[in-house]
Amino acid sequence: MTTEKVAFVGLGVMGYPMAGHLSGTSLGVTVYNRTDSRAQQWLQTFSGEKAATPAETAADADIVCLCVGNDDDVRSVVYGETGILAGLKKGAILIDHTTASPQLAKELDLAVTEAGSEFLDAPVSGGQAGAENGSLTIMVGGNQAPFNIAKDVMNVYAKSVQLMGPAGSGQ
């Protein structure tokens, strides 16, 4: 699979600069944030598009990156009629950069796989400075094939990206 379009859901302290690094590549970037003014601010700084819902954000993306606060926040943007899963195209890869529970990672892996796509749990380490400098460390849980595809995208905002094992292992 050739990665041409990337979506980023969650433009907080970490996600904002991570998505910003992606906008500096040849990839088409679409963003979504629950607080719309934050997405508007991102568009004034970086190039890309803004979507109205997580589903719309994911609709054309080859890879969807997610970085929100906790398990409940992840569920709120993944599930439901406007959630990422509702728009995720078959064969796409969902990367969850949220520091969440291993149980949630396994739950999402099952839901995303049943939808015909791939899932990677990939929490980040390095703090805000690492996100801004593109020097994060990412520990990934998931299957080798989607990891091989997604690694190049994650390397845009990370200095080290390592596959740790099956879904839940990144957490």
Protein backbone atom coordinates (compact mmCIF):
# COMPACT_ATOMS: atom_id res chain seq x y z
CA MET A 1 0.00 0.00 0.00
CA THR A 2 1.25 3.47 -0.86
CA THR A 3 0.53 6.06 1.78
CA GLU A 4 -0.77 9.26 0.21
CA LYS A 5 -3.26 10.64 2.71
CA VAL A 6 -3.00 10.81 6.48
CA ALA A 7 -5.61 11.92 8.99
CA PHE A 8 -4.83 13.19 12.47
CA VAL A 9 -7.47 13.24 15.20
CA GLY A 10 -6.54 15.15 18.36
CA LEU A 11 -4.59 18.40 18.21
CA GLY A 12 -3.58 18.78 21.83
CA VAL A 13 -0.13 19.42 23.26
CA MET A 14 1.28 16.35 21.50
CA GLY A 15 -0.95 15.93 18.45
CA TYR A 16 -0.72 19.54 17.25
CA PRO A 17 3.03 19.44 16.49
CA MET A 18 2.94 15.79 15.39
CA ALA A 19 0.33 16.63 12.74
CA GLY A 20 2.36 19.72 11.90
CA HIS A 21 5.38 17.61 11.01
CA LEU A 22 3.19 15.56 8.65
CA SER A 23 2.03 18.72 6.89
CA GLY A 24 5.63 19.38 5.88
CA THR A 25 5.71 16.21 3.76
CA SER A 26 4.17 15.29 0.42
CA LEU A 27 1.30 13.58 2.26
CA GLY A 28 -2.18 15.06 2.18
CA VAL A 29 -3.14 15.79 5.81
CA THR A 30 -6.67 16.15 7.18
CA VAL A 31 -7.18 17.03 10.84
CA TYR A 32 -10.00 16.92 13.37
CA ASN A 33 -10.17 18.22 16.91
CA ARG A 34 -13.14 18.10 19.28
CA THR A 35 -12.61 21.81 19.96
CA ASP A 36 -12.95 23.21 16.44
CA SER A 37 -11.07 26.44 17.21
CA ARG A 38 -7.92 24.38 17.80
CA ALA A 39 -8.22 22.83 14.32
CA GLN A 40 -8.77 26.32 12.86
CA GLN A 41 -5.62 27.50 14.64
CA TRP A 42 -3.68 24.52 13.27
CA LEU A 43 -4.75 25.43 9.72
CA GLN A 44 -3.41 28.96 10.18
CA THR A 45 0.02 27.52 11.00
CA PHE A 46 0.21 24.41 8.82
CA SER A 47 -1.08 23.24 5.45
CA GLY A 48 -3.85 20.67 5.30
CA GLU A 49 -7.59 20.28 5.53
CA LYS A 50 -10.03 20.19 8.42
CA ALA A 51 -12.91 17.75 8.73
CA ALA A 52 -16.17 18.18 10.64
CA THR A 53 -16.20 14.71 12.25
CA PRO A 54 -13.73 11.92 12.99
CA ALA A 55 -15.53 9.77 10.37
CA GLU A 56 -15.05 12.45 7.73
CA THR A 57 -11.40 12.80 8.74
CA ALA A 58 -10.81 9.09 8.22
CA ALA A 59 -12.82 8.68 5.01
CA ASP A 60 -10.03 9.05 2.44
CA ALA A 61 -7.02 8.40 4.66
CA ASP A 62 -4.60 5.54 4.21
CA ILE A 63 -3.42 6.06 7.79
CA VAL A 64 -5.39 7.64 10.63
CA CYS A 65 -3.41 8.85 13.66
CA LEU A 66 -5.19 9.42 16.94
CA CYS A 67 -3.79 11.25 19.99
CA VAL A 68 -6.26 12.16 22.73
CA GLY A 69 -6.33 12.08 26.54
CA ASN A 70 -7.46 8.67 27.80
CA ASP A 71 -9.53 5.54 27.14
CA ASP A 72 -12.88 7.37 27.30
CA ASP A 73 -11.64 10.08 24.91
CA VAL A 74 -10.46 7.40 22.47
CA ARG A 75 -13.82 5.66 22.54
CA SER A 76 -15.64 8.97 22.00
CA VAL A 77 -13.85 9.62 18.70
CA VAL A 78 -13.59 6.02 17.44
CA TYR A 79 -17.11 4.68 17.94
CA GLY A 80 -20.57 5.92 16.92
CA GLU A 81 -22.04 7.15 13.67
CA THR A 82 -19.53 10.02 13.40
CA GLY A 83 -16.57 8.08 14.83
CA ILE A 84 -13.40 7.03 13.04
CA LEU A 85 -14.68 3.48 12.51
CA ALA A 86 -17.71 4.80 10.62
CA GLY A 87 -15.43 6.41 8.04
CA LEU A 88 -12.34 4.19 8.07
CA LYS A 89 -11.79 2.72 4.63
CA LYS A 90 -10.99 -0.95 4.17
CA GLY A 91 -7.28 -1.63 4.39
CA ALA A 92 -6.49 1.63 6.19
CA ILE A 93 -4.34 1.68 9.33
CA LEU A 94 -5.49 3.28 12.59
CA ILE A 95 -2.59 4.30 14.86
CA ASP A 96 -3.55 5.22 18.41
CA HIS A 97 -0.83 7.40 19.97
CA THR A 98 -2.85 7.88 23.17
CA THR A 99 -1.34 6.51 26.36
CA ALA A 100 -4.25 4.21 27.13
CA SER A 101 -4.87 0.79 28.63
CA PRO A 102 -3.67 -2.45 27.01
CA GLN A 103 -7.29 -3.65 27.25
CA LEU A 104 -8.46 -0.75 25.08
CA ALA A 105 -5.73 -1.49 22.55
CA LYS A 106 -6.91 -5.10 22.27
CA GLU A 107 -10.55 -3.95 22.02
CA LEU A 108 -9.70 -1.52 19.22
CA ASP A 109 -7.58 -4.10 17.42
CA LEU A 110 -10.57 -6.43 17.31
CA ALA A 111 -13.03 -3.72 16.21
CA VAL A 112 -10.74 -2.31 13.53
CA THR A 113 -9.82 -5.77 12.21
CA GLU A 114 -13.51 -6.71 12.01
CA ALA A 115 -14.03 -3.54 9.96
CA GLY A 116 -11.41 -4.75 7.45
CA SER A 117 -8.59 -2.46 8.49
CA GLU A 118 -5.44 -2.60 10.65
CA PHE A 119 -4.68 -1.25 14.14
CA LEU A 120 -1.50 -0.23 15.93
CA ASP A 121 -1.31 0.98 19.52
CA ALA A 122 1.62 3.37 19.58
CA PRO A 123 1.93 5.57 22.67
CA VAL A 124 4.61 8.25 22.48
CA SER A 125 7.39 9.23 24.86
CA GLY A 126 9.36 12.46 24.83
CA GLY A 127 6.86 15.05 25.97
CA GLN A 128 5.85 18.27 24.29
CA ALA A 129 9.45 19.13 23.38
CA GLY A 130 9.87 15.76 21.67
CA ALA A 131 6.67 16.29 19.70
CA GLU A 132 7.73 19.78 18.66
CA ASN A 133 11.26 18.66 17.71
CA GLY A 134 10.14 15.48 15.94
CA SER A 135 12.20 13.37 18.34
CA LEU A 136 9.59 11.17 20.01
CA THR A 137 10.13 7.53 20.93
CA ILE A 138 7.21 5.31 19.93
CA MET A 139 6.56 1.81 21.26
CA VAL A 140 4.16 -0.02 18.95
CA GLY A 141 1.86 -2.97 19.47
CA GLY A 142 0.35 -4.70 16.45
CA ASN A 143 1.11 -6.79 13.40
CA GLN A 144 4.31 -6.56 11.38
CA ALA A 145 2.75 -5.75 7.97
CA PRO A 146 0.88 -2.57 8.99
CA PHE A 147 3.85 -1.56 11.16
CA ASN A 148 6.14 -1.75 8.12
CA ILE A 149 3.81 0.61 6.24
CA ALA A 150 3.10 3.01 9.10
CA LYS A 151 6.68 3.26 10.36
CA ASP A 152 7.65 5.75 7.65
CA VAL A 153 4.80 8.05 8.69
CA MET A 154 5.68 7.82 12.39
CA ASN A 155 9.34 8.49 11.62
CA VAL A 156 8.30 11.97 10.45
CA TYR A 157 7.73 12.97 14.10
CA ALA A 158 9.85 10.37 15.93
CA LYS A 159 13.50 9.46 16.30
CA SER A 160 12.78 5.86 17.31
CA VAL A 161 9.85 3.61 16.36
CA GLN A 162 9.93 0.03 17.64
CA LEU A 163 7.47 -2.86 17.26
CA MET A 164 7.14 -4.44 20.72
CA GLY A 165 4.72 -7.28 19.93
CA PRO A 166 1.00 -7.85 19.29
CA ALA A 167 -1.77 -5.33 19.98
CA GLY A 168 -1.53 -4.01 23.53
CA SER A 169 2.26 -4.41 23.67
CA GLY A 170 2.92 -0.74 22.96
CA GLN A 171 1.07 0.23 26.10
